[in-house]
Every structure is written in C-alpha cells, then in structure tokens.
Amino acid sequence: LYLASGGWPRYARNPHTGEDQWNGKEAKPLHVTLVVDE
C-alpha cells in the first residue's frame, strides 16, 4: 500500500489553501501525520 498527498498529472495538484484552482504563487508545502491508535 502506497499512501501520498498527490499523484500528478493523474490528479490535479492541491494548493492547500481551501481552493480547488491551482495557483502556484499561493500553493504551499503540506505537513501530514498518519495517526494510529486504539
């Protein structure tokens, strides 16, 4: 199982701003944590 936050160009890149439209000037890196507990 491979898990990521993107797969381009199959999936449009997410700018992580809450908007769907890609904007390279406003897009920013994303920090994600997978949480596993009971």
PDB file of all heavy atoms in Angstrom:
ATOM      1  N   LEU A   1       0.854  -1.179   0.000  1.00  0.00           N
ATOM      2  CA  LEU A   1       0.000   0.000   0.000  1.00  0.00           C
ATOM      3  C   LEU A   1       0.894   1.234   0.000  1.00  0.00           C
ATOM      4  O   LEU A   1       1.732   1.397   0.897  1.00  0.00           O
ATOM      5  CB  LEU A   1      -0.903   0.001   1.235  1.00  0.00           C
ATOM      6  CG  LEU A   1      -1.734   1.258   1.494  1.00  0.00           C
ATOM      7  CD1 LEU A   1      -2.797   1.433   0.412  1.00  0.00           C
ATOM      8  CD2 LEU A   1      -2.375   1.195   2.877  1.00  0.00           C
ATOM      9  N   TYR A   2       0.739   2.080  -0.998  1.00  0.00           N
ATOM     10  CA  TYR A   2       1.461   3.355  -1.086  1.00  0.00           C
ATOM     11  C   TYR A   2       0.473   4.479  -0.763  1.00  0.00           C
ATOM     12  O   TYR A   2      -0.619   4.531  -1.331  1.00  0.00           O
ATOM     13  CB  TYR A   2       2.024   3.570  -2.490  1.00  0.00           C
ATOM     14  CG  TYR A   2       3.125   2.613  -2.875  1.00  0.00           C
ATOM     15  CD1 TYR A   2       2.841   1.350  -3.386  1.00  0.00           C
ATOM     16  CD2 TYR A   2       4.467   2.971  -2.749  1.00  0.00           C
ATOM     17  CE1 TYR A   2       3.848   0.464  -3.750  1.00  0.00           C
ATOM     18  CE2 TYR A   2       5.486   2.103  -3.113  1.00  0.00           C
ATOM     19  CZ  TYR A   2       5.161   0.846  -3.606  1.00  0.00           C
ATOM     20  OH  TYR A   2       6.168  -0.029  -3.963  1.00  0.00           O
ATOM     21  N   LEU A   3       0.862   5.372   0.144  1.00  0.00           N
ATOM     22  CA  LEU A   3      -0.003   6.473   0.556  1.00  0.00           C
ATOM     23  C   LEU A   3       0.753   7.789   0.403  1.00  0.00           C
ATOM     24  O   LEU A   3       1.875   7.937   0.897  1.00  0.00           O
ATOM     25  CB  LEU A   3      -0.449   6.295   2.005  1.00  0.00           C
ATOM     26  CG  LEU A   3      -1.338   7.396   2.591  1.00  0.00           C
ATOM     27  CD1 LEU A   3      -2.676   7.476   1.873  1.00  0.00           C
ATOM     28  CD2 LEU A   3      -1.543   7.157   4.090  1.00  0.00           C
ATOM     29  N   ALA A   4       0.138   8.760  -0.279  1.00  0.00           N
ATOM     30  CA  ALA A   4       0.771  10.058  -0.511  1.00  0.00           C
ATOM     31  C   ALA A   4      -0.302  11.143  -0.512  1.00  0.00           C
ATOM     32  O   ALA A   4      -1.491  10.865  -0.308  1.00  0.00           O
ATOM     33  CB  ALA A   4       1.537  10.039  -1.828  1.00  0.00           C
ATOM     34  N   SER A   5       0.134  12.368  -0.771  1.00  0.00           N
ATOM     35  CA  SER A   5      -0.783  13.506  -0.819  1.00  0.00           C
ATOM     36  C   SER A   5      -0.958  14.043  -2.225  1.00  0.00           C
ATOM     37  O   SER A   5      -1.452  15.155  -2.418  1.00  0.00           O
ATOM     38  CB  SER A   5      -0.291  14.621   0.109  1.00  0.00           C
ATOM     39  OG  SER A   5      -0.307  14.191   1.452  1.00  0.00           O
ATOM     40  N   GLY A   6      -0.560  13.266  -3.213  1.00  0.00           N
ATOM     41  CA  GLY A   6      -0.721  13.693  -4.589  1.00  0.00           C
ATOM     42  C   GLY A   6      -0.256  12.614  -5.542  1.00  0.00           C
ATOM     43  O   GLY A   6       0.385  11.634  -5.151  1.00  0.00           O
ATOM     44  N   GLY A   7      -0.591  12.801  -6.810  1.00  0.00           N
ATOM     45  CA  GLY A   7      -0.170  11.907  -7.873  1.00  0.00           C
ATOM     46  C   GLY A   7      -0.397  12.619  -9.202  1.00  0.00           C
ATOM     47  O   GLY A   7      -1.449  12.500  -9.804  1.00  0.00           O
ATOM     48  N   TRP A   8       0.586  13.361  -9.632  1.00  0.00           N
ATOM     49  CA  TRP A   8       0.431  14.266 -10.772  1.00  0.00           C
ATOM     50  C   TRP A   8       1.121  13.693 -11.999  1.00  0.00           C
ATOM     51  O   TRP A   8       2.188  13.084 -11.870  1.00  0.00           O
ATOM     52  CB  TRP A   8       1.051  15.619 -10.399  1.00  0.00           C
ATOM     53  CG  TRP A   8       0.762  16.712 -11.377  1.00  0.00           C
ATOM     54  CD1 TRP A   8      -0.361  17.487 -11.450  1.00  0.00           C
ATOM     55  CD2 TRP A   8       1.614  17.122 -12.441  1.00  0.00           C
ATOM     56  NE1 TRP A   8      -0.257  18.363 -12.504  1.00  0.00           N
ATOM     57  CE2 TRP A   8       0.954  18.166 -13.130  1.00  0.00           C
ATOM     58  CE3 TRP A   8       2.865  16.719 -12.894  1.00  0.00           C
ATOM     59  CZ2 TRP A   8       1.500  18.788 -14.242  1.00  0.00           C
ATOM     60  CZ3 TRP A   8       3.414  17.344 -13.996  1.00  0.00           C
ATOM     61  CH2 TRP A   8       2.728  18.367 -14.656  1.00  0.00           C
ATOM     62  N   PRO A   9       0.517  13.772 -13.204  1.00  0.00           N
ATOM     63  CA  PRO A   9      -0.651  14.596 -13.557  1.00  0.00           C
ATOM     64  C   PRO A   9      -2.004  13.904 -13.491  1.00  0.00           C
ATOM     65  O   PRO A   9      -2.998  14.498 -13.876  1.00  0.00           O
ATOM     66  CB  PRO A   9      -0.326  14.995 -14.990  1.00  0.00           C
ATOM     67  CG  PRO A   9       0.403  13.801 -15.537  1.00  0.00           C
ATOM     68  CD  PRO A   9       1.231  13.279 -14.397  1.00  0.00           C
ATOM     69  N   ARG A  10      -2.052  12.647 -13.017  1.00  0.00           N
ATOM     70  CA  ARG A  10      -3.355  11.973 -12.933  1.00  0.00           C
ATOM     71  C   ARG A  10      -4.336  12.772 -12.090  1.00  0.00           C
ATOM     72  O   ARG A  10      -5.521  12.883 -12.423  1.00  0.00           O
ATOM     73  CB  ARG A  10      -3.179  10.563 -12.344  1.00  0.00           C
ATOM     74  CG  ARG A  10      -4.487   9.825 -12.052  1.00  0.00           C
ATOM     75  CD  ARG A  10      -5.240   9.527 -13.329  1.00  0.00           C
ATOM     76  NE  ARG A  10      -6.487   8.829 -13.055  1.00  0.00           N
ATOM     77  CZ  ARG A  10      -7.641   9.417 -12.755  1.00  0.00           C
ATOM     78  NH1 ARG A  10      -7.703  10.735 -12.675  1.00  0.00           N
ATOM     79  NH2 ARG A  10      -8.722   8.709 -12.540  1.00  0.00           N
ATOM     80  N   TYR A  11      -3.858  13.341 -10.981  1.00  0.00           N
ATOM     81  CA  TYR A  11      -4.704  14.151 -10.106  1.00  0.00           C
ATOM     82  C   TYR A  11      -4.171  15.585 -10.065  1.00  0.00           C
ATOM     83  O   TYR A  11      -2.971  15.799  -9.884  1.00  0.00           O
ATOM     84  CB  TYR A  11      -4.736  13.562  -8.694  1.00  0.00           C
ATOM     85  CG  TYR A  11      -5.287  12.157  -8.666  1.00  0.00           C
ATOM     86  CD1 TYR A  11      -4.433  11.065  -8.548  1.00  0.00           C
ATOM     87  CD2 TYR A  11      -6.649  11.922  -8.801  1.00  0.00           C
ATOM     88  CE1 TYR A  11      -4.932   9.768  -8.549  1.00  0.00           C
ATOM     89  CE2 TYR A  11      -7.157  10.630  -8.804  1.00  0.00           C
ATOM     90  CZ  TYR A  11      -6.288   9.564  -8.686  1.00  0.00           C
ATOM     91  OH  TYR A  11      -6.794   8.279  -8.696  1.00  0.00           O
ATOM     92  N   ALA A  12      -5.077  16.539 -10.235  1.00  0.00           N
ATOM     93  CA  ALA A  12      -4.679  17.948 -10.194  1.00  0.00           C
ATOM     94  C   ALA A  12      -4.050  18.263  -8.846  1.00  0.00           C
ATOM     95  O   ALA A  12      -4.495  17.766  -7.796  1.00  0.00           O
ATOM     96  CB  ALA A  12      -5.892  18.843 -10.434  1.00  0.00           C
ATOM     97  N   ARG A  13      -3.031  19.069  -8.850  1.00  0.00           N
ATOM     98  CA  ARG A  13      -2.341  19.413  -7.610  1.00  0.00           C
ATOM     99  C   ARG A  13      -3.222  20.289  -6.719  1.00  0.00           C
ATOM    100  O   ARG A  13      -3.940  21.169  -7.183  1.00  0.00           O
ATOM    101  CB  ARG A  13      -1.024  20.127  -7.916  1.00  0.00           C
ATOM    102  CG  ARG A  13       0.039  19.214  -8.499  1.00  0.00           C
ATOM    103  CD  ARG A  13       1.281  19.958  -8.878  1.00  0.00           C
ATOM    104  NE  ARG A  13       1.060  20.804 -10.067  1.00  0.00           N
ATOM    105  CZ  ARG A  13       2.007  21.569 -10.607  1.00  0.00           C
ATOM    106  NH1 ARG A  13       3.215  21.613 -10.062  1.00  0.00           N
ATOM    107  NH2 ARG A  13       1.742  22.297 -11.665  1.00  0.00           N
ATOM    108  N   ASN A  14      -3.163  20.007  -5.425  1.00  0.00           N
ATOM    109  CA  ASN A  14      -3.936  20.754  -4.428  1.00  0.00           C
ATOM    110  C   ASN A  14      -3.057  21.880  -3.885  1.00  0.00           C
ATOM    111  O   ASN A  14      -1.956  21.628  -3.397  1.00  0.00           O
ATOM    112  CB  ASN A  14      -4.347  19.806  -3.305  1.00  0.00           C
ATOM    113  CG  ASN A  14      -5.374  20.397  -2.360  1.00  0.00           C
ATOM    114  OD1 ASN A  14      -5.353  21.583  -2.071  1.00  0.00           O
ATOM    115  ND2 ASN A  14      -6.274  19.565  -1.865  1.00  0.00           N
ATOM    116  N   PRO A  15      -3.536  23.140  -3.927  1.00  0.00           N
ATOM    117  CA  PRO A  15      -2.703  24.234  -3.414  1.00  0.00           C
ATOM    118  C   PRO A  15      -2.695  24.343  -1.895  1.00  0.00           C
ATOM    119  O   PRO A  15      -1.947  25.131  -1.325  1.00  0.00           O
ATOM    120  CB  PRO A  15      -3.355  25.474  -4.038  1.00  0.00           C
ATOM    121  CG  PRO A  15      -4.787  25.098  -4.200  1.00  0.00           C
ATOM    122  CD  PRO A  15      -4.777  23.629  -4.536  1.00  0.00           C
ATOM    123  N   HIS A  16      -3.589  23.559  -1.210  1.00  0.00           N
ATOM    124  CA  HIS A  16      -3.672  23.540   0.253  1.00  0.00           C
ATOM    125  C   HIS A  16      -4.148  24.863   0.849  1.00  0.00           C
ATOM    126  O   HIS A  16      -3.839  25.180   1.994  1.00  0.00           O
ATOM    127  CB  HIS A  16      -2.327  23.133   0.883  1.00  0.00           C
ATOM    128  CG  HIS A  16      -1.767  21.883   0.284  1.00  0.00           C
ATOM    129  ND1 HIS A  16      -0.449  21.766  -0.074  1.00  0.00           N
ATOM    130  CD2 HIS A  16      -2.360  20.712  -0.045  1.00  0.00           C
ATOM    131  CE1 HIS A  16      -0.247  20.555  -0.585  1.00  0.00           C
ATOM    132  NE2 HIS A  16      -1.394  19.900  -0.580  1.00  0.00           N
ATOM    133  N   THR A  17      -4.915  25.598   0.050  1.00  0.00           N
ATOM    134  CA  THR A  17      -5.468  26.868   0.520  1.00  0.00           C
ATOM    135  C   THR A  17      -6.961  26.787   0.796  1.00  0.00           C
ATOM    136  O   THR A  17      -7.548  27.743   1.308  1.00  0.00           O
ATOM    137  CB  THR A  17      -5.242  27.965  -0.534  1.00  0.00           C
ATOM    138  OG1 THR A  17      -5.912  27.588  -1.757  1.00  0.00           O
ATOM    139  CG2 THR A  17      -3.764  28.160  -0.818  1.00  0.00           C
ATOM    140  N   GLY A  18      -7.578  25.662   0.439  1.00  0.00           N
ATOM    141  CA  GLY A  18      -9.028  25.537   0.521  1.00  0.00           C
ATOM    142  C   GLY A  18      -9.712  25.802  -0.801  1.00  0.00           C
ATOM    143  O   GLY A  18     -10.926  25.653  -0.908  1.00  0.00           O
ATOM    144  N   GLU A  19      -8.934  26.188  -1.821  1.00  0.00           N
ATOM    145  CA  GLU A  19      -9.469  26.423  -3.160  1.00  0.00           C
ATOM    146  C   GLU A  19      -9.074  25.263  -4.067  1.00  0.00           C
ATOM    147  O   GLU A  19      -8.019  24.652  -3.903  1.00  0.00           O
ATOM    148  CB  GLU A  19      -8.925  27.736  -3.729  1.00  0.00           C
ATOM    149  CG  GLU A  19      -9.246  28.961  -2.886  1.00  0.00           C
ATOM    150  CD  GLU A  19     -10.729  29.279  -2.867  1.00  0.00           C
ATOM    151  OE1 GLU A  19     -11.421  28.938  -3.846  1.00  0.00           O
ATOM    152  OE2 GLU A  19     -11.200  29.870  -1.863  1.00  0.00           O
ATOM    153  N   ASP A  20      -9.935  24.975  -5.049  1.00  0.00           N
ATOM    154  CA  ASP A  20      -9.625  23.905  -5.991  1.00  0.00           C
ATOM    155  C   ASP A  20      -8.667  24.352  -7.085  1.00  0.00           C
ATOM    156  O   ASP A  20      -7.873  23.561  -7.582  1.00  0.00           O
ATOM    157  CB  ASP A  20     -10.920  23.389  -6.637  1.00  0.00           C
ATOM    158  CG  ASP A  20     -11.731  22.521  -5.687  1.00  0.00           C
ATOM    159  OD1 ASP A  20     -11.122  21.781  -4.903  1.00  0.00           O
ATOM    160  OD2 ASP A  20     -12.970  22.589  -5.730  1.00  0.00           O
ATOM    161  N   GLN A  21      -8.763  25.608  -7.475  1.00  0.00           N
ATOM    162  CA  GLN A  21      -7.961  26.093  -8.593  1.00  0.00           C
ATOM    163  C   GLN A  21      -6.485  26.158  -8.210  1.00  0.00           C
ATOM    164  O   GLN A  21      -6.127  26.727  -7.173  1.00  0.00           O
ATOM    165  CB  GLN A  21      -8.450  27.484  -9.025  1.00  0.00           C
ATOM    166  CG  GLN A  21      -7.772  28.036 -10.260  1.00  0.00           C
ATOM    167  CD  GLN A  21      -8.100  27.242 -11.514  1.00  0.00           C
ATOM    168  OE1 GLN A  21      -9.204  26.728 -11.654  1.00  0.00           O
ATOM    169  NE2 GLN A  21      -7.137  27.123 -12.410  1.00  0.00           N
ATOM    170  N   TRP A  22      -5.638  25.560  -9.039  1.00  0.00           N
ATOM    171  CA  TRP A  22      -4.207  25.584  -8.779  1.00  0.00           C
ATOM    172  C   TRP A  22      -3.661  26.994  -8.948  1.00  0.00           C
ATOM    173  O   TRP A  22      -3.940  27.680  -9.932  1.00  0.00           O
ATOM    174  CB  TRP A  22      -3.482  24.629  -9.718  1.00  0.00           C
ATOM    175  CG  TRP A  22      -1.992  24.768  -9.663  1.00  0.00           C
ATOM    176  CD1 TRP A  22      -1.167  25.336 -10.589  1.00  0.00           C
ATOM    177  CD2 TRP A  22      -1.137  24.363  -8.588  1.00  0.00           C
ATOM    178  NE1 TRP A  22       0.128  25.303 -10.180  1.00  0.00           N
ATOM    179  CE2 TRP A  22       0.184  24.711  -8.953  1.00  0.00           C
ATOM    180  CE3 TRP A  22      -1.371  23.744  -7.366  1.00  0.00           C
ATOM    181  CZ2 TRP A  22       1.272  24.443  -8.128  1.00  0.00           C
ATOM    182  CZ3 TRP A  22      -0.278  23.477  -6.548  1.00  0.00           C
ATOM    183  CH2 TRP A  22       1.016  23.820  -6.926  1.00  0.00           C
ATOM    184  N   ASN A  23      -2.896  27.420  -7.977  1.00  0.00           N
ATOM    185  CA  ASN A  23      -2.234  28.721  -8.022  1.00  0.00           C
ATOM    186  C   ASN A  23      -0.832  28.527  -7.476  1.00  0.00           C
ATOM    187  O   ASN A  23      -0.640  28.382  -6.264  1.00  0.00           O
ATOM    188  CB  ASN A  23      -3.007  29.766  -7.203  1.00  0.00           C
ATOM    189  CG  ASN A  23      -2.398  31.165  -7.322  1.00  0.00           C
ATOM    190  OD1 ASN A  23      -1.192  31.326  -7.442  1.00  0.00           O
ATOM    191  ND2 ASN A  23      -3.257  32.173  -7.291  1.00  0.00           N
ATOM    192  N   GLY A  24       0.132  28.481  -8.381  1.00  0.00           N
ATOM    193  CA  GLY A  24       1.494  28.192  -7.963  1.00  0.00           C
ATOM    194  C   GLY A  24       2.080  29.216  -7.017  1.00  0.00           C
ATOM    195  O   GLY A  24       2.967  28.900  -6.221  1.00  0.00           O
ATOM    196  N   LYS A  25       1.600  30.467  -7.076  1.00  0.00           N
ATOM    197  CA  LYS A  25       2.131  31.500  -6.200  1.00  0.00           C
ATOM    198  C   LYS A  25       1.624  31.347  -4.770  1.00  0.00           C
ATOM    199  O   LYS A  25       2.328  31.710  -3.816  1.00  0.00           O
ATOM    200  CB  LYS A  25       1.764  32.882  -6.747  1.00  0.00           C
ATOM    201  CG  LYS A  25       2.443  33.223  -8.066  1.00  0.00           C
ATOM    202  CD  LYS A  25       2.072  34.627  -8.522  1.00  0.00           C
ATOM    203  CE  LYS A  25       2.780  34.975  -9.826  1.00  0.00           C
ATOM    204  NZ  LYS A  25       2.433  36.344 -10.298  1.00  0.00           N
ATOM    205  N   GLU A  26       0.403  30.824  -4.606  1.00  0.00           N
ATOM    206  CA  GLU A  26      -0.172  30.689  -3.270  1.00  0.00           C
ATOM    207  C   GLU A  26      -0.002  29.292  -2.686  1.00  0.00           C
ATOM    208  O   GLU A  26      -0.150  29.094  -1.485  1.00  0.00           O
ATOM    209  CB  GLU A  26      -1.662  31.044  -3.305  1.00  0.00           C
ATOM    210  CG  GLU A  26      -1.933  32.504  -3.647  1.00  0.00           C
ATOM    211  CD  GLU A  26      -3.408  32.832  -3.579  1.00  0.00           C
ATOM    212  OE1 GLU A  26      -4.191  31.957  -3.173  1.00  0.00           O
ATOM    213  OE2 GLU A  26      -3.774  33.969  -3.924  1.00  0.00           O
ATOM    214  N   ALA A  27       0.286  28.327  -3.523  1.00  0.00           N
ATOM    215  CA  ALA A  27       0.434  26.948  -3.043  1.00  0.00           C
ATOM    216  C   ALA A  27       1.581  26.847  -2.049  1.00  0.00           C
ATOM    217  O   ALA A  27       2.592  27.547  -2.156  1.00  0.00           O
ATOM    218  CB  ALA A  27       0.690  26.020  -4.231  1.00  0.00           C
ATOM    219  N   LYS A  28       1.407  25.960  -1.082  1.00  0.00           N
ATOM    220  CA  LYS A  28       2.428  25.823  -0.049  1.00  0.00           C
ATOM    221  C   LYS A  28       2.621  24.357   0.317  1.00  0.00           C
ATOM    222  O   LYS A  28       1.720  23.535   0.133  1.00  0.00           O
ATOM    223  CB  LYS A  28       2.021  26.602   1.198  1.00  0.00           C
ATOM    224  CG  LYS A  28       0.683  26.196   1.775  1.00  0.00           C
ATOM    225  CD  LYS A  28       0.303  27.060   2.965  1.00  0.00           C
ATOM    226  CE  LYS A  28      -1.043  26.635   3.555  1.00  0.00           C
ATOM    227  NZ  LYS A  28      -1.424  27.467   4.715  1.00  0.00           N
ATOM    228  N   PRO A  29       3.803  24.008   0.825  1.00  0.00           N
ATOM    229  CA  PRO A  29       4.033  22.630   1.273  1.00  0.00           C
ATOM    230  C   PRO A  29       3.065  22.241   2.388  1.00  0.00           C
ATOM    231  O   PRO A  29       2.560  23.090   3.131  1.00  0.00           O
ATOM    232  CB  PRO A  29       5.481  22.645   1.770  1.00  0.00           C
ATOM    233  CG  PRO A  29       6.105  23.792   1.045  1.00  0.00           C
ATOM    234  CD  PRO A  29       5.022  24.822   0.919  1.00  0.00           C
ATOM    235  N   LEU A  30       2.831  20.966   2.489  1.00  0.00           N
ATOM    236  CA  LEU A  30       1.877  20.413   3.447  1.00  0.00           C
ATOM    237  C   LEU A  30       2.608  19.463   4.386  1.00  0.00           C
ATOM    238  O   LEU A  30       3.403  18.630   3.947  1.00  0.00           O
ATOM    239  CB  LEU A  30       0.783  19.652   2.687  1.00  0.00           C
ATOM    240  CG  LEU A  30      -0.287  18.949   3.503  1.00  0.00           C
ATOM    241  CD1 LEU A  30      -1.296  19.971   4.031  1.00  0.00           C
ATOM    242  CD2 LEU A  30      -0.995  17.903   2.654  1.00  0.00           C
ATOM    243  N   HIS A  31       2.321  19.567   5.679  1.00  0.00           N
ATOM    244  CA  HIS A  31       2.870  18.638   6.667  1.00  0.00           C
ATOM    245  C   HIS A  31       1.730  17.761   7.175  1.00  0.00           C
ATOM    246  O   HIS A  31       0.729  18.265   7.689  1.00  0.00           O
ATOM    247  CB  HIS A  31       3.523  19.411   7.819  1.00  0.00           C
ATOM    248  CG  HIS A  31       4.620  20.315   7.364  1.00  0.00           C
ATOM    249  ND1 HIS A  31       4.400  21.634   7.008  1.00  0.00           N
ATOM    250  CD2 HIS A  31       5.951  20.088   7.168  1.00  0.00           C
ATOM    251  CE1 HIS A  31       5.538  22.178   6.646  1.00  0.00           C
ATOM    252  NE2 HIS A  31       6.499  21.267   6.722  1.00  0.00           N
ATOM    253  N   VAL A  32       1.876  16.462   6.994  1.00  0.00           N
ATOM    254  CA  VAL A  32       0.820  15.498   7.299  1.00  0.00           C
ATOM    255  C   VAL A  32       1.359  14.450   8.267  1.00  0.00           C
ATOM    256  O   VAL A  32       2.531  14.068   8.193  1.00  0.00           O
ATOM    257  CB  VAL A  32       0.320  14.787   6.026  1.00  0.00           C
ATOM    258  CG1 VAL A  32      -0.992  14.047   6.294  1.00  0.00           C
ATOM    259  CG2 VAL A  32       0.162  15.754   4.877  1.00  0.00           C
ATOM    260  N   THR A  33       0.493  13.958   9.150  1.00  0.00           N
ATOM    261  CA  THR A  33       0.863  12.873  10.068  1.00  0.00           C
ATOM    262  C   THR A  33      -0.246  11.831  10.075  1.00  0.00           C
ATOM    263  O   THR A  33      -1.414  12.159  10.339  1.00  0.00           O
ATOM    264  CB  THR A  33       1.084  13.393  11.499  1.00  0.00           C
ATOM    265  OG1 THR A  33       2.149  14.349  11.501  1.00  0.00           O
ATOM    266  CG2 THR A  33       1.446  12.249  12.437  1.00  0.00           C
ATOM    267  N   LEU A  34       0.103  10.607   9.770  1.00  0.00           N
ATOM    268  CA  LEU A  34      -0.822   9.486   9.916  1.00  0.00           C
ATOM    269  C   LEU A  34      -0.859   9.103  11.388  1.00  0.00           C
ATOM    270  O   LEU A  34       0.190   8.867  12.005  1.00  0.00           O
ATOM    271  CB  LEU A  34      -0.359   8.294   9.080  1.00  0.00           C
ATOM    272  CG  LEU A  34      -1.197   7.023   9.171  1.00  0.00           C
ATOM    273  CD1 LEU A  34      -2.582   7.224   8.566  1.00  0.00           C
ATOM    274  CD2 LEU A  34      -0.476   5.862   8.487  1.00  0.00           C
ATOM    275  N   VAL A  35      -2.063   9.047  11.963  1.00  0.00           N
ATOM    276  CA  VAL A  35      -2.249   8.770  13.388  1.00  0.00           C
ATOM    277  C   VAL A  35      -2.900   7.398  13.538  1.00  0.00           C
ATOM    278  O   VAL A  35      -3.977   7.151  12.983  1.00  0.00           O
ATOM    279  CB  VAL A  35      -3.134   9.846  14.044  1.00  0.00           C
ATOM    280  CG1 VAL A  35      -3.353   9.531  15.515  1.00  0.00           C
ATOM    281  CG2 VAL A  35      -2.513  11.226  13.874  1.00  0.00           C
ATOM    282  N   VAL A  36      -2.248   6.512  14.282  1.00  0.00           N
ATOM    283  CA  VAL A  36      -2.782   5.171  14.506  1.00  0.00           C
ATOM    284  C   VAL A  36      -2.764   4.884  15.997  1.00  0.00           C
ATOM    285  O   VAL A  36      -1.708   4.926  16.631  1.00  0.00           O
ATOM    286  CB  VAL A  36      -1.952   4.096  13.762  1.00  0.00           C
ATOM    287  CG1 VAL A  36      -2.602   2.722  13.924  1.00  0.00           C
ATOM    288  CG2 VAL A  36      -1.811   4.447  12.287  1.00  0.00           C
ATOM    289  N   ASP A  37      -3.937   4.630  16.563  1.00  0.00           N
ATOM    290  CA  ASP A  37      -4.035   4.227  17.964  1.00  0.00           C
ATOM    291  C   ASP A  37      -5.293   3.390  18.148  1.00  0.00           C
ATOM    292  O   ASP A  37      -5.954   3.027  17.161  1.00  0.00           O
ATOM    293  CB  ASP A  37      -4.018   5.441  18.909  1.00  0.00           C
ATOM    294  CG  ASP A  37      -5.114   6.457  18.589  1.00  0.00           C
ATOM    295  OD1 ASP A  37      -6.204   6.051  18.148  1.00  0.00           O
ATOM    296  OD2 ASP A  37      -4.882   7.668  18.805  1.00  0.00           O
ATOM    297  N   GLU A  38      -5.630   3.076  19.388  1.00  0.00           N
ATOM    298  CA  GLU A  38      -6.759   2.177  19.648  1.00  0.00           C
ATOM    299  C   GLU A  38      -8.071   2.725  19.097  1.00  0.00           C
ATOM    300  O   GLU A  38      -8.907   1.975  18.582  1.00  0.00           O
ATOM    301  CB  GLU A  38      -6.900   1.928  21.154  1.00  0.00           C
ATOM    302  CG  GLU A  38      -7.952   0.895  21.512  1.00  0.00           C
ATOM    303  CD  GLU A  38      -7.980   0.591  22.995  1.00  0.00           C
ATOM    304  OE1 GLU A  38      -7.134   1.130  23.741  1.00  0.00           O
ATOM    305  OE2 GLU A  38      -8.863  -0.180  23.418  1.00  0.00           O
TER     306      GLU A  38
END
